[in-house]
Amino acid sequence: MIIDCHTHAYPSELVTDPRAWARVHGESHWSELVSPPDRPSIQGWSDLDSMLLSMDAACVDQAVLLGWYWEHESTCRWHNEAMAKWMQAAPKRLIGFAAIYPNENVIDQLEAAKSMGFRGVGELHMGVQDFDGGGPYWQAMARWCVENNWPINCHATEAAGHDHPGSIPTPLQNFVRFAGTEPDLKLILAHWGGGLAFFEQNPNLRKTLKNVYYDCAASPLLHNMGIFKQMVELVGIDKLLFGSDYPLRIFPRLEKSPEMMRYFRTIREESALSESELCNLFGDNFARMMSLH
């Protein structure tokens, strides 16, 4: 089974004029990323039918719809309702992770998401949403997620190197604190974890990060395909998850519209992973983490 653990579904209201929508709803970071005024956007858009067609073309059996790291609870709840409609229309193909505003009413938000069929939290962004991993709201959310076997997906910005408008740091030590405070929490760090995997060479830190996973979403924008083998050497294949960041155009010079096939094929052909490692990356690891088998 092939599972894409990092995709997004955006309500149609966002697509028509993202900047205008963001102004009305106070979501300035959203517009800065997806509709910058001074450069071409690599953000693509998709409705449910085109996403399912893209999944079929890439032989992706299931995809995780991630919420966005909105700056208001009301936007998170609204986005969850929209994603739930996609999940209800394709229940065997789509798994939902809820958009959560982690600064207030977290248990109520989580229970509401659970009632709509969600099975995880994310994508969260500590820089954009300005939450405190040592504070009571995060701790309550983390405990609830452990009790309900829900992973949390967090955006991780690379600690050094590439910078772009809208990029906001996510200090790596905060992720270590998350893992240490709630060691049974399954934490998925998007975009290879921003480089945190390197520090797992410290045996003590590796123990702390035992339930931390790394997804490869949007990797072609930042890395060559050698990153896959390097990550296996750093943390082992069992901690790596396939994510595309669909409908982001991660090959912007080659893609006129978003797709999953090109990334999937490029990993197969250029990552130097064995067939067994590819099976783990493309779905087995996520299925075990989520107890889907």
C-alpha atoms as a PDB file:
ATOM      1  CA  MET A   1       0.000   0.000   0.000  1.00  0.00           C
ATOM      2  CA  ILE A   2       1.288   3.452  -0.938  1.00  0.00           C
ATOM      3  CA  ILE A   3       0.344   6.259   1.448  1.00  0.00           C
ATOM      4  CA  ASP A   4       1.124   9.929   0.920  1.00  0.00           C
ATOM      5  CA  CYS A   5       1.226  11.285   4.473  1.00  0.00           C
ATOM      6  CA  HIS A   6       1.482  14.988   3.587  1.00  0.00           C
ATOM      7  CA  THR A   7      -1.105  16.574   1.308  1.00  0.00           C
ATOM      8  CA  HIS A   8      -3.449  19.531   1.616  1.00  0.00           C
ATOM      9  CA  ALA A   9      -7.041  20.229   0.631  1.00  0.00           C
ATOM     10  CA  TYR A  10      -8.056  23.866   0.365  1.00  0.00           C
ATOM     11  CA  PRO A  11     -11.677  25.046   0.267  1.00  0.00           C
ATOM     12  CA  SER A  12     -12.728  26.683  -2.985  1.00  0.00           C
ATOM     13  CA  GLU A  13     -13.179  30.051  -1.235  1.00  0.00           C
ATOM     14  CA  LEU A  14      -9.410  30.241  -0.763  1.00  0.00           C
ATOM     15  CA  VAL A  15      -8.546  29.543  -4.361  1.00  0.00           C
ATOM     16  CA  THR A  16     -10.336  32.341  -6.204  1.00  0.00           C
ATOM     17  CA  ASP A  17      -8.427  35.203  -4.563  1.00  0.00           C
ATOM     18  CA  PRO A  18      -6.137  34.018  -1.727  1.00  0.00           C
ATOM     19  CA  ARG A  19      -4.909  37.478  -0.800  1.00  0.00           C
ATOM     20  CA  ALA A  20      -8.381  38.974  -0.564  1.00  0.00           C
ATOM     21  CA  TRP A  21      -9.603  36.026   1.490  1.00  0.00           C
ATOM     22  CA  ALA A  22      -6.608  36.320   3.816  1.00  0.00           C
ATOM     23  CA  ARG A  23      -7.204  40.025   4.412  1.00  0.00           C
ATOM     24  CA  VAL A  24     -10.794  39.408   5.423  1.00  0.00           C
ATOM     25  CA  HIS A  25      -9.925  36.539   7.758  1.00  0.00           C
ATOM     26  CA  GLY A  26      -6.712  37.882   9.286  1.00  0.00           C
ATOM     27  CA  GLU A  27      -4.532  35.117   7.859  1.00  0.00           C
ATOM     28  CA  SER A  28      -1.611  37.198   6.630  1.00  0.00           C
ATOM     29  CA  HIS A  29       0.975  34.411   6.660  1.00  0.00           C
ATOM     30  CA  TRP A  30      -1.186  32.350   4.320  1.00  0.00           C
ATOM     31  CA  SER A  31      -1.241  35.024   1.642  1.00  0.00           C
ATOM     32  CA  GLU A  32       2.474  35.744   2.050  1.00  0.00           C
ATOM     33  CA  LEU A  33       3.275  32.115   1.248  1.00  0.00           C
ATOM     34  CA  VAL A  34       0.769  31.139  -1.428  1.00  0.00           C
ATOM     35  CA  SER A  35       0.235  34.438  -3.212  1.00  0.00           C
ATOM     36  CA  PRO A  36       3.344  36.612  -2.824  1.00  0.00           C
ATOM     37  CA  PRO A  37       3.082  40.005  -4.519  1.00  0.00           C
ATOM     38  CA  ASP A  38       6.674  40.088  -5.795  1.00  0.00           C
ATOM     39  CA  ARG A  39       7.382  36.604  -7.200  1.00  0.00           C
ATOM     40  CA  PRO A  40       5.603  33.762  -8.990  1.00  0.00           C
ATOM     41  CA  SER A  41       3.745  31.401  -6.688  1.00  0.00           C
ATOM     42  CA  ILE A  42       4.506  27.677  -6.687  1.00  0.00           C
ATOM     43  CA  GLN A  43       1.261  26.940  -4.888  1.00  0.00           C
ATOM     44  CA  GLY A  44      -1.050  24.719  -6.906  1.00  0.00           C
ATOM     45  CA  TRP A  45      -4.715  24.036  -6.307  1.00  0.00           C
ATOM     46  CA  SER A  46      -6.830  20.933  -6.489  1.00  0.00           C
ATOM     47  CA  ASP A  47     -10.393  19.844  -6.067  1.00  0.00           C
ATOM     48  CA  LEU A  48     -11.317  16.374  -4.844  1.00  0.00           C
ATOM     49  CA  ASP A  49     -11.709  14.821  -8.291  1.00  0.00           C
ATOM     50  CA  SER A  50      -8.373  16.051  -9.593  1.00  0.00           C
ATOM     51  CA  MET A  51      -6.637  14.916  -6.417  1.00  0.00           C
ATOM     52  CA  LEU A  52      -8.046  11.407  -6.726  1.00  0.00           C
ATOM     53  CA  LEU A  53      -6.971  11.311 -10.370  1.00  0.00           C
ATOM     54  CA  SER A  54      -3.455  12.371  -9.367  1.00  0.00           C
ATOM     55  CA  MET A  55      -3.401   9.666  -6.698  1.00  0.00           C
ATOM     56  CA  ASP A  56      -4.525   7.064  -9.222  1.00  0.00           C
ATOM     57  CA  ALA A  57      -1.846   8.112 -11.718  1.00  0.00           C
ATOM     58  CA  ALA A  58       0.859   7.700  -9.055  1.00  0.00           C
ATOM     59  CA  CYS A  59      -0.700   4.482  -7.666  1.00  0.00           C
ATOM     60  CA  VAL A  60      -1.209   6.172  -4.284  1.00  0.00           C
ATOM     61  CA  ASP A  61      -3.772   4.159  -2.330  1.00  0.00           C
ATOM     62  CA  GLN A  62      -4.375   6.637   0.494  1.00  0.00           C
ATOM     63  CA  ALA A  63      -3.442  10.213   1.283  1.00  0.00           C
ATOM     64  CA  VAL A  64      -3.427  12.204   4.501  1.00  0.00           C
ATOM     65  CA  LEU A  65      -5.168  15.560   4.268  1.00  0.00           C
ATOM     66  CA  LEU A  66      -3.317  17.901   6.586  1.00  0.00           C
ATOM     67  CA  GLY A  67      -4.863  21.014   8.012  1.00  0.00           C
ATOM     68  CA  TRP A  68      -3.009  24.301   7.724  1.00  0.00           C
ATOM     69  CA  TYR A  69      -1.341  26.232  10.535  1.00  0.00           C
ATOM     70  CA  TRP A  70      -3.962  28.957  10.694  1.00  0.00           C
ATOM     71  CA  GLU A  71      -3.634  31.927  13.010  1.00  0.00           C
ATOM     72  CA  HIS A  72      -7.211  31.717  14.347  1.00  0.00           C
ATOM     73  CA  GLU A  73      -9.263  28.940  15.894  1.00  0.00           C
ATOM     74  CA  SER A  74     -12.282  29.853  13.763  1.00  0.00           C
ATOM     75  CA  THR A  75     -10.294  29.308  10.563  1.00  0.00           C
ATOM     76  CA  CYS A  76      -9.075  25.928  11.805  1.00  0.00           C
ATOM     77  CA  ARG A  77     -12.605  24.774  12.540  1.00  0.00           C
ATOM     78  CA  TRP A  78     -13.842  26.029   9.169  1.00  0.00           C
ATOM     79  CA  HIS A  79     -11.039  24.227   7.329  1.00  0.00           C
ATOM     80  CA  ASN A  80     -11.760  20.993   9.213  1.00  0.00           C
ATOM     81  CA  GLU A  81     -15.378  21.098   8.110  1.00  0.00           C
ATOM     82  CA  ALA A  82     -14.282  21.491   4.494  1.00  0.00           C
ATOM     83  CA  MET A  83     -11.765  18.640   4.726  1.00  0.00           C
ATOM     84  CA  ALA A  84     -14.353  16.415   6.375  1.00  0.00           C
ATOM     85  CA  LYS A  85     -16.515  16.692   3.252  1.00  0.00           C
ATOM     86  CA  TRP A  86     -13.654  15.358   1.125  1.00  0.00           C
ATOM     87  CA  MET A  87     -13.076  12.536   3.626  1.00  0.00           C
ATOM     88  CA  GLN A  88     -16.742  11.598   3.589  1.00  0.00           C
ATOM     89  CA  ALA A  89     -16.768  11.546  -0.203  1.00  0.00           C
ATOM     90  CA  ALA A  90     -13.722   9.251  -0.407  1.00  0.00           C
ATOM     91  CA  PRO A  91     -13.467   7.466   2.962  1.00  0.00           C
ATOM     92  CA  LYS A  92     -11.238   4.645   1.713  1.00  0.00           C
ATOM     93  CA  ARG A  93      -8.755   7.018   0.083  1.00  0.00           C
ATOM     94  CA  LEU A  94      -8.408   9.953   2.500  1.00  0.00           C
ATOM     95  CA  ILE A  95      -7.247  10.179   6.122  1.00  0.00           C
ATOM     96  CA  GLY A  96      -7.684  13.493   7.929  1.00  0.00           C
ATOM     97  CA  PHE A  97      -5.316  15.312  10.278  1.00  0.00           C
ATOM     98  CA  ALA A  98      -7.073  18.267  11.857  1.00  0.00           C
ATOM     99  CA  ALA A  99      -6.150  21.916  11.757  1.00  0.00           C
ATOM    100  CA  ILE A 100      -5.823  22.933  15.400  1.00  0.00           C
ATOM    101  CA  TYR A 101      -5.160  26.347  16.925  1.00  0.00           C
ATOM    102  CA  PRO A 102      -2.998  25.247  19.879  1.00  0.00           C
ATOM    103  CA  ASN A 103      -3.492  28.283  22.081  1.00  0.00           C
ATOM    104  CA  GLU A 104      -7.047  27.854  23.353  1.00  0.00           C
ATOM    105  CA  ASN A 105      -9.923  25.398  23.633  1.00  0.00           C
ATOM    106  CA  VAL A 106      -7.698  22.566  22.436  1.00  0.00           C
ATOM    107  CA  ILE A 107      -9.675  19.653  23.897  1.00  0.00           C
ATOM    108  CA  ASP A 108     -12.917  20.994  22.457  1.00  0.00           C
ATOM    109  CA  GLN A 109     -11.236  21.391  19.053  1.00  0.00           C
ATOM    110  CA  LEU A 110      -9.817  17.865  19.230  1.00  0.00           C
ATOM    111  CA  GLU A 111     -13.112  16.281  20.249  1.00  0.00           C
ATOM    112  CA  ALA A 112     -14.916  18.116  17.461  1.00  0.00           C
ATOM    113  CA  ALA A 113     -12.341  16.893  14.954  1.00  0.00           C
ATOM    114  CA  LYS A 114     -12.597  13.325  16.246  1.00  0.00           C
ATOM    115  CA  SER A 115     -16.368  13.401  15.797  1.00  0.00           C
ATOM    116  CA  MET A 116     -15.812  14.314  12.123  1.00  0.00           C
ATOM    117  CA  GLY A 117     -13.523  11.336  11.546  1.00  0.00           C
ATOM    118  CA  PHE A 118     -10.067  12.907  11.849  1.00  0.00           C
ATOM    119  CA  ARG A 119      -7.191  10.729  13.081  1.00  0.00           C
ATOM    120  CA  GLY A 120      -4.338  13.115  13.808  1.00  0.00           C
ATOM    121  CA  VAL A 121      -3.278  16.732  14.233  1.00  0.00           C
ATOM    122  CA  GLY A 122      -1.329  18.955  11.890  1.00  0.00           C
ATOM    123  CA  GLU A 123       0.240  20.602  10.209  1.00  0.00           C
ATOM    124  CA  LEU A 124       1.193  22.878  13.137  1.00  0.00           C
ATOM    125  CA  HIS A 125       3.780  25.678  13.007  1.00  0.00           C
ATOM    126  CA  MET A 126       5.177  26.991  16.286  1.00  0.00           C
ATOM    127  CA  GLY A 127       6.522  30.140  14.600  1.00  0.00           C
ATOM    128  CA  VAL A 128       3.302  31.142  12.865  1.00  0.00           C
ATOM    129  CA  GLN A 129       0.866  30.019  15.548  1.00  0.00           C
ATOM    130  CA  ASP A 130       3.140  31.210  18.354  1.00  0.00           C
ATOM    131  CA  PHE A 131       2.448  28.384  20.772  1.00  0.00           C
ATOM    132  CA  ASP A 132       4.471  27.329  23.785  1.00  0.00           C
ATOM    133  CA  GLY A 133       5.442  23.670  23.875  1.00  0.00           C
ATOM    134  CA  GLY A 134       5.828  23.927  27.630  1.00  0.00           C
ATOM    135  CA  GLY A 135       2.466  25.583  28.159  1.00  0.00           C
ATOM    136  CA  PRO A 136      -0.778  24.020  29.352  1.00  0.00           C
ATOM    137  CA  TYR A 137      -2.531  23.979  25.961  1.00  0.00           C
ATOM    138  CA  TRP A 138       0.211  22.049  24.192  1.00  0.00           C
ATOM    139  CA  GLN A 139       0.549  19.661  27.122  1.00  0.00           C
ATOM    140  CA  ALA A 140      -3.199  19.004  27.183  1.00  0.00           C
ATOM    141  CA  MET A 141      -3.236  18.418  23.437  1.00  0.00           C
ATOM    142  CA  ALA A 142      -0.201  16.115  23.562  1.00  0.00           C
ATOM    143  CA  ARG A 143      -1.705  14.004  26.358  1.00  0.00           C
ATOM    144  CA  TRP A 144      -5.018  13.756  24.505  1.00  0.00           C
ATOM    145  CA  CYS A 145      -3.220  12.670  21.344  1.00  0.00           C
ATOM    146  CA  VAL A 146      -1.283   9.968  23.196  1.00  0.00           C
ATOM    147  CA  GLU A 147      -4.495   8.656  24.760  1.00  0.00           C
ATOM    148  CA  ASN A 148      -6.215   8.567  21.361  1.00  0.00           C
ATOM    149  CA  ASN A 149      -3.190   7.329  19.352  1.00  0.00           C
ATOM    150  CA  TRP A 150      -3.146  10.501  17.247  1.00  0.00           C
ATOM    151  CA  PRO A 151       0.148  11.659  15.752  1.00  0.00           C
ATOM    152  CA  ILE A 152       0.956  15.370  15.502  1.00  0.00           C
ATOM    153  CA  ASN A 153       2.562  16.727  12.325  1.00  0.00           C
ATOM    154  CA  CYS A 154       4.656  19.880  12.768  1.00  0.00           C
ATOM    155  CA  HIS A 155       6.158  22.043  10.069  1.00  0.00           C
ATOM    156  CA  ALA A 156       9.950  22.176  10.420  1.00  0.00           C
ATOM    157  CA  THR A 157      11.925  24.956   8.787  1.00  0.00           C
ATOM    158  CA  GLU A 158      15.499  24.066   7.811  1.00  0.00           C
ATOM    159  CA  ALA A 159      17.856  25.361  10.473  1.00  0.00           C
ATOM    160  CA  ALA A 160      20.359  26.845   8.024  1.00  0.00           C
ATOM    161  CA  GLY A 161      20.680  27.613   4.346  1.00  0.00           C
ATOM    162  CA  HIS A 162      17.791  28.397   2.038  1.00  0.00           C
ATOM    163  CA  ASP A 163      15.642  31.369   2.953  1.00  0.00           C
ATOM    164  CA  HIS A 164      12.536  32.620   1.222  1.00  0.00           C
ATOM    165  CA  PRO A 165       9.801  35.178   1.872  1.00  0.00           C
ATOM    166  CA  GLY A 166       7.376  33.809   4.434  1.00  0.00           C
ATOM    167  CA  SER A 167       9.908  31.445   5.970  1.00  0.00           C
ATOM    168  CA  ILE A 168       9.655  31.522   9.777  1.00  0.00           C
ATOM    169  CA  PRO A 169      12.087  29.575  11.996  1.00  0.00           C
ATOM    170  CA  THR A 170      11.092  26.549  14.039  1.00  0.00           C
ATOM    171  CA  PRO A 171      13.929  26.093  16.566  1.00  0.00           C
ATOM    172  CA  LEU A 172      15.018  22.463  16.684  1.00  0.00           C
ATOM    173  CA  GLN A 173      15.411  22.462  20.457  1.00  0.00           C
ATOM    174  CA  ASN A 174      11.669  23.017  20.781  1.00  0.00           C
ATOM    175  CA  PHE A 175      10.998  19.736  18.973  1.00  0.00           C
ATOM    176  CA  VAL A 176      13.370  18.001  21.391  1.00  0.00           C
ATOM    177  CA  ARG A 177      11.392  19.544  24.257  1.00  0.00           C
ATOM    178  CA  PHE A 178       8.105  18.315  22.740  1.00  0.00           C
ATOM    179  CA  ALA A 179       9.446  14.768  22.522  1.00  0.00           C
ATOM    180  CA  GLY A 180      10.995  14.810  25.975  1.00  0.00           C
ATOM    181  CA  THR A 181       7.921  16.182  27.717  1.00  0.00           C
ATOM    182  CA  GLU A 182       5.552  13.595  26.217  1.00  0.00           C
ATOM    183  CA  PRO A 183       7.741  10.611  25.216  1.00  0.00           C
ATOM    184  CA  ASP A 184       4.834   8.459  23.962  1.00  0.00           C
ATOM    185  CA  LEU A 185       3.636  11.130  21.543  1.00  0.00           C
ATOM    186  CA  LYS A 186       4.068  10.225  17.871  1.00  0.00           C
ATOM    187  CA  LEU A 187       5.534  13.372  16.372  1.00  0.00           C
ATOM    188  CA  ILE A 188       5.955  13.767  12.603  1.00  0.00           C
ATOM    189  CA  LEU A 189       8.352  16.515  11.580  1.00  0.00           C
ATOM    190  CA  ALA A 190       7.660  17.693   8.048  1.00  0.00           C
ATOM    191  CA  HIS A 191      10.352  18.531   5.484  1.00  0.00           C
ATOM    192  CA  TRP A 192      12.949  16.167   6.956  1.00  0.00           C
ATOM    193  CA  GLY A 193      12.653  17.800  10.374  1.00  0.00           C
ATOM    194  CA  GLY A 194      14.696  20.844   9.460  1.00  0.00           C
ATOM    195  CA  GLY A 195      17.958  18.970  10.087  1.00  0.00           C
ATOM    196  CA  LEU A 196      17.126  17.527  13.508  1.00  0.00           C
ATOM    197  CA  ALA A 197      17.928  14.010  12.271  1.00  0.00           C
ATOM    198  CA  PHE A 198      21.652  14.802  12.290  1.00  0.00           C
ATOM    199  CA  PHE A 199      21.585  15.246  16.053  1.00  0.00           C
ATOM    200  CA  GLU A 200      20.125  11.775  16.560  1.00  0.00           C
ATOM    201  CA  GLN A 201      23.762  10.650  16.365  1.00  0.00           C
ATOM    202  CA  ASN A 202      23.853  11.602  20.043  1.00  0.00           C
ATOM    203  CA  PRO A 203      22.683   8.375  21.780  1.00  0.00           C
ATOM    204  CA  ASN A 204      20.887  10.251  24.548  1.00  0.00           C
ATOM    205  CA  LEU A 205      19.036  12.432  22.069  1.00  0.00           C
ATOM    206  CA  ARG A 206      18.109   9.395  19.997  1.00  0.00           C
ATOM    207  CA  LYS A 207      16.347   7.943  23.036  1.00  0.00           C
ATOM    208  CA  THR A 208      14.402  11.175  23.495  1.00  0.00           C
ATOM    209  CA  LEU A 209      13.409  11.212  19.810  1.00  0.00           C
ATOM    210  CA  LYS A 210      12.395   7.552  19.636  1.00  0.00           C
ATOM    211  CA  ASN A 211       8.840   8.438  18.536  1.00  0.00           C
ATOM    212  CA  VAL A 212       9.820  11.211  16.133  1.00  0.00           C
ATOM    213  CA  TYR A 213       9.304  10.560  12.409  1.00  0.00           C
ATOM    214  CA  TYR A 214      10.444  12.583   9.409  1.00  0.00           C
ATOM    215  CA  ASP A 215       8.471  13.172   6.214  1.00  0.00           C
ATOM    216  CA  CYS A 216      10.016  14.131   2.889  1.00  0.00           C
ATOM    217  CA  ALA A 217       7.386  16.660   1.804  1.00  0.00           C
ATOM    218  CA  ALA A 218       8.565  19.274  -0.731  1.00  0.00           C
ATOM    219  CA  SER A 219      12.117  17.881  -0.617  1.00  0.00           C
ATOM    220  CA  PRO A 220      12.937  18.631  -4.308  1.00  0.00           C
ATOM    221  CA  LEU A 221      12.668  22.344  -3.552  1.00  0.00           C
ATOM    222  CA  LEU A 222      15.580  22.076  -1.102  1.00  0.00           C
ATOM    223  CA  HIS A 223      17.565  18.873  -1.642  1.00  0.00           C
ATOM    224  CA  ASN A 224      18.877  16.450  -4.225  1.00  0.00           C
ATOM    225  CA  MET A 225      17.751  12.834  -4.100  1.00  0.00           C
ATOM    226  CA  GLY A 226      20.829  11.831  -2.110  1.00  0.00           C
ATOM    227  CA  ILE A 227      19.008  13.088   0.980  1.00  0.00           C
ATOM    228  CA  PHE A 228      16.994   9.857   1.134  1.00  0.00           C
ATOM    229  CA  LYS A 229      19.987   7.579   1.577  1.00  0.00           C
ATOM    230  CA  GLN A 230      21.585  10.058   3.965  1.00  0.00           C
ATOM    231  CA  MET A 231      18.474  10.082   6.141  1.00  0.00           C
ATOM    232  CA  VAL A 232      18.456   6.274   6.224  1.00  0.00           C
ATOM    233  CA  GLU A 233      22.051   6.371   7.449  1.00  0.00           C
ATOM    234  CA  LEU A 234      21.196   8.961  10.094  1.00  0.00           C
ATOM    235  CA  VAL A 235      18.001   7.565  11.634  1.00  0.00           C
ATOM    236  CA  GLY A 236      17.105   4.319   9.837  1.00  0.00           C
ATOM    237  CA  ILE A 237      14.420   3.666   7.266  1.00  0.00           C
ATOM    238  CA  ASP A 238      11.707   2.940   9.857  1.00  0.00           C
ATOM    239  CA  LYS A 239      11.430   6.635  10.841  1.00  0.00           C
ATOM    240  CA  LEU A 240      10.951   7.982   7.320  1.00  0.00           C
ATOM    241  CA  LEU A 241       7.575   8.745   5.726  1.00  0.00           C
ATOM    242  CA  PHE A 242       6.595   9.587   2.177  1.00  0.00           C
ATOM    243  CA  GLY A 243       4.885  12.940   1.751  1.00  0.00           C
ATOM    244  CA  SER A 244       4.495  15.009  -1.400  1.00  0.00           C
ATOM    245  CA  ASP A 245       3.014  18.313  -0.147  1.00  0.00           C
ATOM    246  CA  TYR A 246       0.466  18.052  -2.965  1.00  0.00           C
ATOM    247  CA  PRO A 247      -0.854  20.336  -4.480  1.00  0.00           C
ATOM    248  CA  LEU A 248       2.354  22.363  -4.076  1.00  0.00           C
ATOM    249  CA  ARG A 249       4.320  22.375  -7.344  1.00  0.00           C
ATOM    250  CA  ILE A 250       7.562  20.946  -6.002  1.00  0.00           C
ATOM    251  CA  PHE A 251       9.113  20.782  -9.490  1.00  0.00           C
ATOM    252  CA  PRO A 252       8.076  24.318 -10.477  1.00  0.00           C
ATOM    253  CA  ARG A 253      10.062  24.388 -13.719  1.00  0.00           C
ATOM    254  CA  LEU A 254       8.519  21.133 -14.900  1.00  0.00           C
ATOM    255  CA  GLU A 255       4.997  21.186 -13.475  1.00  0.00           C
ATOM    256  CA  LYS A 256       2.296  23.436 -14.869  1.00  0.00           C
ATOM    257  CA  SER A 257      -0.240  21.835 -12.570  1.00  0.00           C
ATOM    258  CA  PRO A 258       0.243  19.834  -9.357  1.00  0.00           C
ATOM    259  CA  GLU A 259       0.907  16.114  -9.553  1.00  0.00           C
ATOM    260  CA  MET A 260       2.168  13.240  -7.409  1.00  0.00           C
ATOM    261  CA  MET A 261       3.614  11.009 -10.118  1.00  0.00           C
ATOM    262  CA  ARG A 262       6.832  12.931 -10.835  1.00  0.00           C
ATOM    263  CA  TYR A 263       8.031  12.915  -7.220  1.00  0.00           C
ATOM    264  CA  PHE A 264       7.098   9.288  -6.707  1.00  0.00           C
ATOM    265  CA  ARG A 265       8.939   8.262  -9.884  1.00  0.00           C
ATOM    266  CA  THR A 266      11.987  10.412  -9.071  1.00  0.00           C
ATOM    267  CA  ILE A 267      12.354   8.790  -5.642  1.00  0.00           C
ATOM    268  CA  ARG A 268      12.142   5.339  -7.199  1.00  0.00           C
ATOM    269  CA  GLU A 269      14.713   6.128  -9.860  1.00  0.00           C
ATOM    270  CA  GLU A 270      17.173   8.408  -8.072  1.00  0.00           C
ATOM    271  CA  SER A 271      17.071   7.837  -4.291  1.00  0.00           C
ATOM    272  CA  ALA A 272      19.236   4.673  -4.342  1.00  0.00           C
ATOM    273  CA  LEU A 273      16.888   3.053  -1.827  1.00  0.00           C
ATOM    274  CA  SER A 274      16.385  -0.704  -1.975  1.00  0.00           C
ATOM    275  CA  GLU A 275      12.995  -2.179  -2.775  1.00  0.00           C
ATOM    276  CA  SER A 276      12.505  -3.042   0.880  1.00  0.00           C
ATOM    277  CA  GLU A 277      13.392   0.498   1.936  1.00  0.00           C
ATOM    278  CA  LEU A 278      11.019   1.937  -0.661  1.00  0.00           C
ATOM    279  CA  CYS A 279       8.172  -0.214   0.663  1.00  0.00           C
ATOM    280  CA  ASN A 280       8.783   1.102   4.170  1.00  0.00           C
ATOM    281  CA  LEU A 281       9.022   4.700   2.996  1.00  0.00           C
ATOM    282  CA  PHE A 282       6.025   4.631   0.686  1.00  0.00           C
ATOM    283  CA  GLY A 283       3.515   3.278   3.170  1.00  0.00           C
ATOM    284  CA  ASP A 284       4.506   0.505   5.561  1.00  0.00           C
ATOM    285  CA  ASN A 285       6.027   2.847   8.156  1.00  0.00           C
ATOM    286  CA  PHE A 286       2.995   5.117   8.249  1.00  0.00           C
ATOM    287  CA  ALA A 287       0.582   2.169   8.355  1.00  0.00           C
ATOM    288  CA  ARG A 288       2.428   0.698  11.348  1.00  0.00           C
ATOM    289  CA  MET A 289       2.532   4.047  13.139  1.00  0.00           C
ATOM    290  CA  MET A 290      -1.222   4.516  12.618  1.00  0.00           C
ATOM    291  CA  SER A 291      -2.030   0.831  13.305  1.00  0.00           C
ATOM    292  CA  LEU A 292      -3.697   0.577   9.892  1.00  0.00           C
ATOM    293  CA  HIS A 293      -2.685  -3.073   9.389  1.00  0.00           C
END
